[in-house]
Amino acid sequence: MKSIQHESSGAVALPTPPVPTEHIMGKELVAYDVGSDGSRFCLSFTCVNGKQGSLSFPTECLKALIMTLPRMMTQALWARYGDESLRLVYPGDIVRIERSPDPNTFIMTLTTPDGFGVSFSLNGQQLDALGKASTNA
């Protein structure tokens, strides 16, 4: 069995083991918490059997989750509906572009109405391409 590792994150997509040592069937994410010192985070959930569960990870795992979850969602959509054109798309609300301390880099932050936000670093050529795309759309 092979596992697939994405180059920019530490997350590995592992095949389902034939006999898992412990398999938790979650039903719904309920809450999250970040430790007071910022070194850990916890995800709380409800299990399909009605019990509560939680998972605690070092904060360093957040980058791997952030980079992995969108890909997981895309794979789930494709598998569920058999349509590789599907994407999970959020409505945009605020687009903010600011200079970074590096004079050749800009920071573009996209935010949704419900407060979800993500930032990207762009060079001048990429920023120009975005501007041109909006006039050619």
Protein backbone atom coordinates (compact mmCIF):
# COMPACT_ATOMS: atom_id res chain seq x y z
CA MET A 1 0.00 0.00 0.00
CA LYS A 2 1.25 3.46 -0.84
CA SER A 3 0.68 6.71 0.99
CA ILE A 4 0.61 10.08 -0.69
CA GLN A 5 2.44 13.03 0.84
CA HIS A 6 1.87 16.60 -0.25
CA GLU A 7 5.15 18.49 -0.59
CA SER A 8 4.13 21.64 1.30
CA SER A 9 2.62 19.96 4.36
CA GLY A 10 3.47 17.17 6.73
CA ALA A 11 0.12 15.44 6.25
CA VAL A 12 0.02 12.03 4.67
CA ALA A 13 -3.08 10.45 3.15
CA LEU A 14 -2.95 6.90 4.43
CA PRO A 15 -4.89 3.94 3.06
CA THR A 16 -7.54 2.54 5.38
CA PRO A 17 -5.90 -0.24 7.40
CA PRO A 18 -7.60 -3.64 7.12
CA VAL A 19 -8.19 -3.83 10.89
CA PRO A 20 -7.86 -0.44 12.62
CA THR A 21 -6.77 -0.53 16.25
CA GLU A 22 -9.42 2.05 17.13
CA HIS A 23 -11.89 3.64 14.74
CA ILE A 24 -13.89 6.63 15.95
CA MET A 25 -16.98 7.43 13.90
CA GLY A 26 -17.66 11.13 14.26
CA LYS A 27 -21.04 12.65 13.49
CA GLU A 28 -20.62 16.37 14.07
CA LEU A 29 -17.88 18.81 15.03
CA VAL A 30 -19.04 20.72 18.08
CA ALA A 31 -16.26 23.09 19.13
CA TYR A 32 -12.57 23.83 19.10
CA ASP A 33 -10.27 25.19 21.75
CA VAL A 34 -6.75 26.55 21.70
CA GLY A 35 -4.63 26.03 24.81
CA SER A 36 -3.87 29.12 26.89
CA ASP A 37 -0.18 28.89 25.96
CA GLY A 38 -1.00 28.26 22.27
CA SER A 39 0.94 25.00 22.15
CA ARG A 40 -2.08 22.69 21.55
CA PHE A 41 -5.54 22.75 20.06
CA CYS A 42 -8.51 20.46 20.61
CA LEU A 43 -11.42 19.51 18.35
CA SER A 44 -14.58 18.32 20.12
CA PHE A 45 -17.18 16.23 18.35
CA THR A 46 -20.21 14.01 18.76
CA CYS A 47 -19.84 10.34 17.80
CA VAL A 48 -22.46 8.38 15.88
CA ASN A 49 -23.07 6.38 19.08
CA GLY A 50 -24.08 9.62 20.88
CA LYS A 51 -20.92 9.89 22.98
CA GLN A 52 -18.74 13.00 23.03
CA GLY A 53 -15.17 12.81 21.79
CA SER A 54 -12.21 15.09 21.38
CA LEU A 55 -8.84 15.09 19.68
CA SER A 56 -5.90 17.14 20.91
CA PHE A 57 -2.91 17.98 18.74
CA PRO A 58 0.18 20.19 18.95
CA THR A 59 -0.44 23.54 17.27
CA GLU A 60 2.21 22.69 14.68
CA CYS A 61 -0.33 20.26 13.17
CA LEU A 62 -2.60 23.17 12.18
CA LYS A 63 -0.56 23.96 9.06
CA ALA A 64 -0.91 20.36 7.88
CA LEU A 65 -4.67 20.48 8.53
CA ILE A 66 -5.10 23.82 6.77
CA MET A 67 -3.23 22.55 3.72
CA THR A 68 -4.97 19.15 3.71
CA LEU A 69 -8.66 19.92 4.41
CA PRO A 70 -9.43 21.65 1.08
CA ARG A 71 -7.89 18.75 -0.84
CA MET A 72 -9.84 16.26 1.28
CA MET A 73 -13.08 18.15 0.57
CA THR A 74 -12.40 18.16 -3.17
CA GLN A 75 -11.66 14.43 -3.16
CA ALA A 76 -14.84 13.77 -1.16
CA LEU A 77 -16.96 15.82 -3.59
CA TRP A 78 -15.48 14.03 -6.59
CA ALA A 79 -15.97 10.60 -5.03
CA ARG A 80 -19.50 11.34 -3.85
CA TYR A 81 -20.83 12.91 -7.04
CA GLY A 82 -18.48 11.51 -9.71
CA ASP A 83 -17.86 15.01 -11.07
CA GLU A 84 -14.30 16.37 -11.05
CA SER A 85 -15.51 19.88 -11.92
CA LEU A 86 -17.03 20.34 -8.44
CA ARG A 87 -15.38 22.70 -5.95
CA LEU A 88 -16.38 23.95 -2.52
CA VAL A 89 -16.80 27.68 -3.16
CA TYR A 90 -17.34 30.43 -0.60
CA PRO A 91 -18.79 33.88 -1.36
CA GLY A 92 -16.17 36.58 -1.16
CA ASP A 93 -16.65 39.67 0.97
CA ILE A 94 -13.42 41.55 1.54
CA VAL A 95 -10.26 41.55 -0.56
CA ARG A 96 -7.33 43.30 1.08
CA ILE A 97 -3.94 43.77 -0.57
CA GLU A 98 -1.04 45.06 1.46
CA ARG A 99 2.71 45.28 1.12
CA SER A 100 4.80 42.81 3.02
CA PRO A 101 8.13 43.72 4.63
CA ASP A 102 9.71 42.29 1.46
CA PRO A 103 9.26 45.07 -1.16
CA ASN A 104 8.78 42.46 -3.93
CA THR A 105 5.92 40.70 -2.18
CA PHE A 106 2.29 41.59 -1.56
CA ILE A 107 -0.14 39.94 0.85
CA MET A 108 -3.63 39.31 -0.49
CA THR A 109 -6.23 38.40 2.12
CA LEU A 110 -9.64 37.08 1.05
CA THR A 111 -12.44 37.07 3.64
CA THR A 112 -15.98 35.64 3.50
CA PRO A 113 -19.06 37.26 5.09
CA ASP A 114 -18.90 34.76 7.98
CA GLY A 115 -15.30 35.68 8.83
CA PHE A 116 -13.35 32.87 7.13
CA GLY A 117 -10.15 34.38 5.80
CA VAL A 118 -7.00 33.21 4.08
CA SER A 119 -3.89 35.11 3.03
CA PHE A 120 -1.57 34.53 0.10
CA SER A 121 1.80 36.04 -0.75
CA LEU A 122 2.01 37.28 -4.33
CA ASN A 123 4.76 38.87 -6.37
CA GLY A 124 4.05 41.86 -8.60
CA GLN A 125 3.61 39.72 -11.72
CA GLN A 126 0.97 37.56 -10.02
CA LEU A 127 -0.84 40.65 -8.75
CA ASP A 128 -0.80 42.13 -12.27
CA ALA A 129 -2.22 38.85 -13.65
CA LEU A 130 -5.11 39.10 -11.17
CA GLY A 131 -5.85 42.64 -12.28
CA LYS A 132 -5.78 41.65 -15.94
CA ALA A 133 -8.02 38.64 -15.30
CA SER A 134 -10.67 40.86 -13.75
CA THR A 135 -10.77 43.12 -16.82
CA ASN A 136 -10.86 40.15 -19.22
CA ALA A 137 -13.58 38.21 -17.39
